[in-house]
Amino acid sequence: MAHILIVEDEEHIAQMIEATLSLGGYSCEICADGAQAVERIFAGGYDLVLLDVMLPGLDGFSVMERVASQGTPVIFLSAMQQVADKVRGLHLGAEDYIAKPFEALELLARVEVALRRRGKGREVLEYRGIQQDLSSHTVTLNGKPVALSPKEFELLRVFLQNQDLALSRDKLLSLVWGYDFAGETRTVDIHVQRLRQKLGLSGKLVTLPRIGYRLEH
């Protein structure tokens, strides 16, 4: 389980981020002060840091300048959306720069990418007898192999990484098929039905009327 430090001085935002990451299976600590964040990062023990830019005292960019040599991957979270700010953050060595406000699903996806890039991402996802190995591209149900198409495999990954989150059909299309996919949302419905049948997910992979789907924990 990856351990993540959230550096955010607005308490309600920090708690929202913590709740989102908990859904993704990550453990978290919250820090509201830039100088204290530097001390914690140098003390070690974190697989990733989510760093707000606008902090009291020592801002996020200054924090990054001080901890870059430590090698802990950092994702900036900021309401500052100017290209120059994003470029500055990336030039300082950050893995990514996410503009506020952001969706929970986007945050989880970016976190997973950053962790996998550093070899810290989860390679095996598990859910009620289902095991999905992302490295070998295999799926088993109660120890028995289950054959999935490439899109079914990717759709399962999205659901397993985002349990208990409501996912719209359009969002699933963009994540699995790509933003330029010209097909219809019915494509999602067909693939969800196949996952239910192949993996015994009826009653757990639920339909949300006029919204989409949710895999219940």
C-alpha atoms as a PDB file:
ATOM      1  CA  MET A   1       0.000   0.000   0.000  1.00  0.00           C
ATOM      2  CA  ALA A   2       1.458   3.340  -1.047  1.00  0.00           C
ATOM      3  CA  HIS A   3       1.799   5.993   1.665  1.00  0.00           C
ATOM      4  CA  ILE A   4       1.004   9.555   0.537  1.00  0.00           C
ATOM      5  CA  LEU A   5       1.613  12.935   2.164  1.00  0.00           C
ATOM      6  CA  ILE A   6      -1.079  15.558   1.463  1.00  0.00           C
ATOM      7  CA  VAL A   7       0.248  19.104   1.878  1.00  0.00           C
ATOM      8  CA  GLU A   8      -2.840  21.338   1.870  1.00  0.00           C
ATOM      9  CA  ASP A   9      -3.744  24.169   4.247  1.00  0.00           C
ATOM     10  CA  GLU A  10      -7.496  24.207   3.540  1.00  0.00           C
ATOM     11  CA  GLU A  11      -8.851  21.563   5.883  1.00  0.00           C
ATOM     12  CA  HIS A  12     -11.981  20.604   3.911  1.00  0.00           C
ATOM     13  CA  ILE A  13      -9.948  20.141   0.709  1.00  0.00           C
ATOM     14  CA  ALA A  14      -7.333  18.064   2.529  1.00  0.00           C
ATOM     15  CA  GLN A  15     -10.059  15.848   3.993  1.00  0.00           C
ATOM     16  CA  MET A  16     -11.698  15.442   0.588  1.00  0.00           C
ATOM     17  CA  ILE A  17      -8.373  14.374  -0.929  1.00  0.00           C
ATOM     18  CA  GLU A  18      -7.752  11.964   1.940  1.00  0.00           C
ATOM     19  CA  ALA A  19     -11.201  10.387   1.492  1.00  0.00           C
ATOM     20  CA  THR A  20     -10.635  10.026  -2.256  1.00  0.00           C
ATOM     21  CA  LEU A  21      -7.245   8.381  -1.805  1.00  0.00           C
ATOM     22  CA  SER A  22      -8.653   6.053   0.845  1.00  0.00           C
ATOM     23  CA  LEU A  23     -11.173   4.816  -1.718  1.00  0.00           C
ATOM     24  CA  GLY A  24      -8.211   4.043  -3.960  1.00  0.00           C
ATOM     25  CA  GLY A  25      -6.601   1.944  -1.226  1.00  0.00           C
ATOM     26  CA  TYR A  26      -3.864   4.405  -0.217  1.00  0.00           C
ATOM     27  CA  SER A  27      -2.813   5.451   3.281  1.00  0.00           C
ATOM     28  CA  CYS A  28      -2.366   9.178   3.882  1.00  0.00           C
ATOM     29  CA  GLU A  29      -1.086  11.857   6.222  1.00  0.00           C
ATOM     30  CA  ILE A  30      -2.064  15.535   6.101  1.00  0.00           C
ATOM     31  CA  CYS A  31       0.238  18.502   6.593  1.00  0.00           C
ATOM     32  CA  ALA A  32      -0.907  22.139   6.391  1.00  0.00           C
ATOM     33  CA  ASP A  33       2.444  23.904   6.573  1.00  0.00           C
ATOM     34  CA  GLY A  34       5.202  24.141   3.973  1.00  0.00           C
ATOM     35  CA  ALA A  35       8.133  24.174   6.383  1.00  0.00           C
ATOM     36  CA  GLN A  36       6.752  21.186   8.268  1.00  0.00           C
ATOM     37  CA  ALA A  37       6.242  19.376   4.950  1.00  0.00           C
ATOM     38  CA  VAL A  38       9.954  19.773   4.166  1.00  0.00           C
ATOM     39  CA  GLU A  39      10.845  18.174   7.518  1.00  0.00           C
ATOM     40  CA  ARG A  40       8.456  15.263   6.985  1.00  0.00           C
ATOM     41  CA  ILE A  41       9.630  14.584   3.439  1.00  0.00           C
ATOM     42  CA  PHE A  42      13.276  14.533   4.521  1.00  0.00           C
ATOM     43  CA  ALA A  43      12.326  12.163   7.333  1.00  0.00           C
ATOM     44  CA  GLY A  44      11.198   9.767   4.613  1.00  0.00           C
ATOM     45  CA  GLY A  45       8.496   7.123   4.467  1.00  0.00           C
ATOM     46  CA  TYR A  46       6.343   8.587   1.680  1.00  0.00           C
ATOM     47  CA  ASP A  47       5.827   7.099  -1.761  1.00  0.00           C
ATOM     48  CA  LEU A  48       4.254  10.291  -3.129  1.00  0.00           C
ATOM     49  CA  VAL A  49       3.562  13.888  -2.077  1.00  0.00           C
ATOM     50  CA  LEU A  50       0.496  15.870  -3.168  1.00  0.00           C
ATOM     51  CA  LEU A  51       1.632  19.464  -2.782  1.00  0.00           C
ATOM     52  CA  ASP A  52      -0.511  22.588  -2.841  1.00  0.00           C
ATOM     53  CA  VAL A  53       1.248  25.641  -4.268  1.00  0.00           C
ATOM     54  CA  MET A  54      -0.367  28.363  -2.159  1.00  0.00           C
ATOM     55  CA  LEU A  55       0.694  27.544   1.399  1.00  0.00           C
ATOM     56  CA  PRO A  56       1.275  29.853   4.362  1.00  0.00           C
ATOM     57  CA  GLY A  57       4.905  30.806   4.867  1.00  0.00           C
ATOM     58  CA  LEU A  58       6.803  28.475   2.563  1.00  0.00           C
ATOM     59  CA  ASP A  59       4.892  27.998  -0.704  1.00  0.00           C
ATOM     60  CA  GLY A  60       4.765  24.785  -2.702  1.00  0.00           C
ATOM     61  CA  PHE A  61       7.394  25.826  -5.227  1.00  0.00           C
ATOM     62  CA  SER A  62       9.814  26.646  -2.394  1.00  0.00           C
ATOM     63  CA  VAL A  63       9.054  23.310  -0.753  1.00  0.00           C
ATOM     64  CA  MET A  64       9.818  21.539  -4.028  1.00  0.00           C
ATOM     65  CA  GLU A  65      13.124  23.364  -4.412  1.00  0.00           C
ATOM     66  CA  ARG A  66      14.197  22.163  -0.979  1.00  0.00           C
ATOM     67  CA  VAL A  67      13.105  18.519  -1.277  1.00  0.00           C
ATOM     68  CA  ALA A  68      13.910  17.783  -4.939  1.00  0.00           C
ATOM     69  CA  SER A  69      17.188  16.095  -3.961  1.00  0.00           C
ATOM     70  CA  GLN A  70      15.254  13.667  -1.755  1.00  0.00           C
ATOM     71  CA  GLY A  71      13.762  11.982  -4.808  1.00  0.00           C
ATOM     72  CA  THR A  72      10.229  11.579  -3.468  1.00  0.00           C
ATOM     73  CA  PRO A  73       7.779  12.018  -6.373  1.00  0.00           C
ATOM     74  CA  VAL A  74       5.577  15.119  -6.130  1.00  0.00           C
ATOM     75  CA  ILE A  75       2.298  16.100  -7.784  1.00  0.00           C
ATOM     76  CA  PHE A  76       1.357  19.761  -7.523  1.00  0.00           C
ATOM     77  CA  LEU A  77      -2.284  20.610  -6.752  1.00  0.00           C
ATOM     78  CA  SER A  78      -3.097  24.244  -7.388  1.00  0.00           C
ATOM     79  CA  ALA A  79      -5.764  26.784  -8.278  1.00  0.00           C
ATOM     80  CA  MET A  80      -3.015  28.577 -10.222  1.00  0.00           C
ATOM     81  CA  GLN A  81      -3.792  27.511 -13.774  1.00  0.00           C
ATOM     82  CA  GLN A  82      -1.433  29.687 -15.808  1.00  0.00           C
ATOM     83  CA  VAL A  83       0.803  27.763 -18.200  1.00  0.00           C
ATOM     84  CA  ALA A  84       3.848  29.468 -16.657  1.00  0.00           C
ATOM     85  CA  ASP A  85       2.959  28.058 -13.229  1.00  0.00           C
ATOM     86  CA  LYS A  86       2.562  24.535 -14.603  1.00  0.00           C
ATOM     87  CA  VAL A  87       5.837  24.782 -16.493  1.00  0.00           C
ATOM     88  CA  ARG A  88       7.613  26.038 -13.391  1.00  0.00           C
ATOM     89  CA  GLY A  89       6.284  23.145 -11.320  1.00  0.00           C
ATOM     90  CA  LEU A  90       7.348  20.561 -13.878  1.00  0.00           C
ATOM     91  CA  HIS A  91      10.765  22.166 -14.344  1.00  0.00           C
ATOM     92  CA  LEU A  92      11.308  21.893 -10.593  1.00  0.00           C
ATOM     93  CA  GLY A  93      10.950  18.130 -10.989  1.00  0.00           C
ATOM     94  CA  ALA A  94       7.307  17.417 -10.208  1.00  0.00           C
ATOM     95  CA  GLU A  95       5.702  14.321 -11.715  1.00  0.00           C
ATOM     96  CA  ASP A  96       2.508  16.179 -12.579  1.00  0.00           C
ATOM     97  CA  TYR A  97       0.536  19.389 -12.033  1.00  0.00           C
ATOM     98  CA  ILE A  98      -3.224  19.149 -11.421  1.00  0.00           C
ATOM     99  CA  ALA A  99      -5.333  22.289 -11.563  1.00  0.00           C
ATOM    100  CA  LYS A 100      -8.104  22.805  -8.996  1.00  0.00           C
ATOM    101  CA  PRO A 101     -10.930  22.008  -9.003  1.00  0.00           C
ATOM    102  CA  PHE A 102     -10.404  18.411 -10.106  1.00  0.00           C
ATOM    103  CA  GLU A 103     -12.543  15.279 -10.145  1.00  0.00           C
ATOM    104  CA  ALA A 104     -11.818  12.448  -7.724  1.00  0.00           C
ATOM    105  CA  LEU A 105     -11.403  10.061 -10.639  1.00  0.00           C
ATOM    106  CA  GLU A 106      -8.825  12.310 -12.282  1.00  0.00           C
ATOM    107  CA  LEU A 107      -6.814  12.545  -9.062  1.00  0.00           C
ATOM    108  CA  LEU A 108      -6.789   8.772  -8.567  1.00  0.00           C
ATOM    109  CA  ALA A 109      -5.756   8.187 -12.177  1.00  0.00           C
ATOM    110  CA  ARG A 110      -2.882  10.685 -11.979  1.00  0.00           C
ATOM    111  CA  VAL A 111      -1.706   9.264  -8.657  1.00  0.00           C
ATOM    112  CA  GLU A 112      -1.703   5.729 -10.046  1.00  0.00           C
ATOM    113  CA  VAL A 113       0.286   6.812 -13.101  1.00  0.00           C
ATOM    114  CA  ALA A 114       2.877   8.623 -10.967  1.00  0.00           C
ATOM    115  CA  LEU A 115       3.298   5.645  -8.634  1.00  0.00           C
ATOM    116  CA  ARG A 116       3.575   3.117 -11.445  1.00  0.00           C
ATOM    117  CA  ARG A 117       6.174   5.298 -13.151  1.00  0.00           C
ATOM    118  CA  ARG A 118       8.257   4.988  -9.983  1.00  0.00           C
ATOM    119  CA  GLY A 119       7.581   1.280  -9.610  1.00  0.00           C
ATOM    120  CA  LYS A 120       5.254   1.847  -6.640  1.00  0.00           C
ATOM    121  CA  GLY A 121       1.914   1.269  -8.345  1.00  0.00           C
ATOM    122  CA  ARG A 122      -0.249  -1.717  -7.606  1.00  0.00           C
ATOM    123  CA  GLU A 123       0.398  -4.512 -10.086  1.00  0.00           C
ATOM    124  CA  VAL A 124      -2.310  -6.837  -8.730  1.00  0.00           C
ATOM    125  CA  LEU A 125      -5.830  -5.563  -8.040  1.00  0.00           C
ATOM    126  CA  GLU A 126      -8.174  -7.691  -5.924  1.00  0.00           C
ATOM    127  CA  TYR A 127     -11.905  -7.713  -5.333  1.00  0.00           C
ATOM    128  CA  ARG A 128     -14.094 -10.505  -3.922  1.00  0.00           C
ATOM    129  CA  GLY A 129     -12.201 -13.441  -5.411  1.00  0.00           C
ATOM    130  CA  ILE A 130     -11.150 -11.506  -8.506  1.00  0.00           C
ATOM    131  CA  GLN A 131      -7.439 -10.929  -9.112  1.00  0.00           C
ATOM    132  CA  GLN A 132      -6.288  -8.708 -11.962  1.00  0.00           C
ATOM    133  CA  ASP A 133      -2.558  -8.772 -12.687  1.00  0.00           C
ATOM    134  CA  LEU A 134      -1.687  -5.618 -14.650  1.00  0.00           C
ATOM    135  CA  SER A 135       1.828  -6.762 -15.538  1.00  0.00           C
ATOM    136  CA  SER A 136       0.923 -10.183 -16.954  1.00  0.00           C
ATOM    137  CA  HIS A 137      -2.458  -8.944 -18.245  1.00  0.00           C
ATOM    138  CA  THR A 138      -4.340 -11.858 -16.652  1.00  0.00           C
ATOM    139  CA  VAL A 139      -7.535 -12.152 -14.615  1.00  0.00           C
ATOM    140  CA  THR A 140      -8.615 -14.955 -12.314  1.00  0.00           C
ATOM    141  CA  LEU A 141     -11.852 -15.604 -10.431  1.00  0.00           C
ATOM    142  CA  ASN A 142     -11.415 -17.797  -7.348  1.00  0.00           C
ATOM    143  CA  GLY A 143      -8.115 -18.958  -8.812  1.00  0.00           C
ATOM    144  CA  LYS A 144      -9.481 -19.871 -12.240  1.00  0.00           C
ATOM    145  CA  PRO A 145      -8.410 -17.929 -15.363  1.00  0.00           C
ATOM    146  CA  VAL A 146     -11.040 -15.711 -16.997  1.00  0.00           C
ATOM    147  CA  ALA A 147     -10.595 -14.610 -20.611  1.00  0.00           C
ATOM    148  CA  LEU A 148     -11.283 -10.907 -21.141  1.00  0.00           C
ATOM    149  CA  SER A 149     -10.981  -8.808 -24.268  1.00  0.00           C
ATOM    150  CA  PRO A 150      -8.512  -5.868 -24.090  1.00  0.00           C
ATOM    151  CA  LYS A 151     -11.341  -3.371 -23.507  1.00  0.00           C
ATOM    152  CA  GLU A 152     -12.997  -5.581 -20.897  1.00  0.00           C
ATOM    153  CA  PHE A 153      -9.635  -5.804 -19.119  1.00  0.00           C
ATOM    154  CA  GLU A 154      -9.195  -2.024 -19.100  1.00  0.00           C
ATOM    155  CA  LEU A 155     -12.787  -1.451 -17.991  1.00  0.00           C
ATOM    156  CA  LEU A 156     -12.300  -3.882 -15.103  1.00  0.00           C
ATOM    157  CA  ARG A 157      -9.099  -2.037 -14.110  1.00  0.00           C
ATOM    158  CA  VAL A 158     -10.970   1.274 -13.972  1.00  0.00           C
ATOM    159  CA  PHE A 159     -13.709  -0.187 -11.785  1.00  0.00           C
ATOM    160  CA  LEU A 160     -11.277  -1.946  -9.431  1.00  0.00           C
ATOM    161  CA  GLN A 161      -9.183   1.200  -9.013  1.00  0.00           C
ATOM    162  CA  ASN A 162     -12.257   3.341  -8.348  1.00  0.00           C
ATOM    163  CA  GLN A 163     -14.490   1.272  -6.097  1.00  0.00           C
ATOM    164  CA  ASP A 164     -17.559   3.019  -4.669  1.00  0.00           C
ATOM    165  CA  LEU A 165     -17.201   5.935  -7.096  1.00  0.00           C
ATOM    166  CA  ALA A 166     -20.003   6.807  -9.521  1.00  0.00           C
ATOM    167  CA  LEU A 167     -18.584   6.621 -13.050  1.00  0.00           C
ATOM    168  CA  SER A 168     -20.532   8.110 -15.935  1.00  0.00           C
ATOM    169  CA  ARG A 169     -20.678   6.383 -19.306  1.00  0.00           C
ATOM    170  CA  ASP A 170     -18.906   9.339 -20.913  1.00  0.00           C
ATOM    171  CA  LYS A 171     -16.124   9.156 -18.340  1.00  0.00           C
ATOM    172  CA  LEU A 172     -15.715   5.419 -18.895  1.00  0.00           C
ATOM    173  CA  LEU A 173     -15.614   5.976 -22.645  1.00  0.00           C
ATOM    174  CA  SER A 174     -12.850   8.539 -22.303  1.00  0.00           C
ATOM    175  CA  LEU A 175     -10.790   6.396 -19.900  1.00  0.00           C
ATOM    176  CA  VAL A 176     -11.083   3.088 -21.734  1.00  0.00           C
ATOM    177  CA  TRP A 177     -11.774   3.936 -25.365  1.00  0.00           C
ATOM    178  CA  GLY A 178     -10.167   7.384 -25.563  1.00  0.00           C
ATOM    179  CA  TYR A 179     -11.494  10.911 -25.920  1.00  0.00           C
ATOM    180  CA  ASP A 180     -11.660  10.603 -29.703  1.00  0.00           C
ATOM    181  CA  PHE A 181     -13.863   7.494 -29.651  1.00  0.00           C
ATOM    182  CA  ALA A 182     -16.726   8.006 -32.094  1.00  0.00           C
ATOM    183  CA  GLY A 183     -18.983   5.216 -30.845  1.00  0.00           C
ATOM    184  CA  GLU A 184     -22.034   5.338 -28.583  1.00  0.00           C
ATOM    185  CA  THR A 185     -22.358   4.950 -24.825  1.00  0.00           C
ATOM    186  CA  ARG A 186     -24.183   1.677 -25.525  1.00  0.00           C
ATOM    187  CA  THR A 187     -20.692   0.249 -26.020  1.00  0.00           C
ATOM    188  CA  VAL A 188     -20.067   0.725 -22.295  1.00  0.00           C
ATOM    189  CA  ASP A 189     -23.328  -1.018 -21.383  1.00  0.00           C
ATOM    190  CA  ILE A 190     -22.420  -4.060 -23.477  1.00  0.00           C
ATOM    191  CA  HIS A 191     -18.968  -4.390 -21.928  1.00  0.00           C
ATOM    192  CA  VAL A 192     -20.325  -3.917 -18.390  1.00  0.00           C
ATOM    193  CA  GLN A 193     -22.827  -6.706 -19.006  1.00  0.00           C
ATOM    194  CA  ARG A 194     -20.011  -8.983 -20.158  1.00  0.00           C
ATOM    195  CA  LEU A 195     -18.002  -8.260 -17.018  1.00  0.00           C
ATOM    196  CA  ARG A 196     -21.021  -9.053 -14.868  1.00  0.00           C
ATOM    197  CA  GLN A 197     -21.487 -12.379 -16.608  1.00  0.00           C
ATOM    198  CA  LYS A 198     -17.846 -13.449 -16.704  1.00  0.00           C
ATOM    199  CA  LEU A 199     -16.931 -12.362 -13.174  1.00  0.00           C
ATOM    200  CA  GLY A 200     -20.182 -12.807 -11.250  1.00  0.00           C
ATOM    201  CA  LEU A 201     -20.579  -9.094 -10.568  1.00  0.00           C
ATOM    202  CA  SER A 202     -24.359  -8.872 -10.767  1.00  0.00           C
ATOM    203  CA  GLY A 203     -25.527  -6.967  -7.702  1.00  0.00           C
ATOM    204  CA  LYS A 204     -22.082  -5.441  -7.160  1.00  0.00           C
ATOM    205  CA  LEU A 205     -21.434  -3.641 -10.451  1.00  0.00           C
ATOM    206  CA  VAL A 206     -24.618  -1.603 -10.192  1.00  0.00           C
ATOM    207  CA  THR A 207     -26.361   0.654 -12.690  1.00  0.00           C
ATOM    208  CA  LEU A 208     -26.963   4.244 -11.586  1.00  0.00           C
ATOM    209  CA  PRO A 209     -30.008   5.557 -13.490  1.00  0.00           C
ATOM    210  CA  ARG A 210     -29.175   8.483 -15.790  1.00  0.00           C
ATOM    211  CA  ILE A 211     -25.584   8.465 -14.511  1.00  0.00           C
ATOM    212  CA  GLY A 212     -23.593   5.306 -15.224  1.00  0.00           C
ATOM    213  CA  TYR A 213     -22.147   2.592 -12.994  1.00  0.00           C
ATOM    214  CA  ARG A 214     -20.522   1.943  -9.615  1.00  0.00           C
ATOM    215  CA  LEU A 215     -18.603  -1.061  -8.310  1.00  0.00           C
ATOM    216  CA  GLU A 216     -19.703  -1.377  -4.692  1.00  0.00           C
ATOM    217  CA  HIS A 217     -17.082  -2.347  -2.150  1.00  0.00           C
END
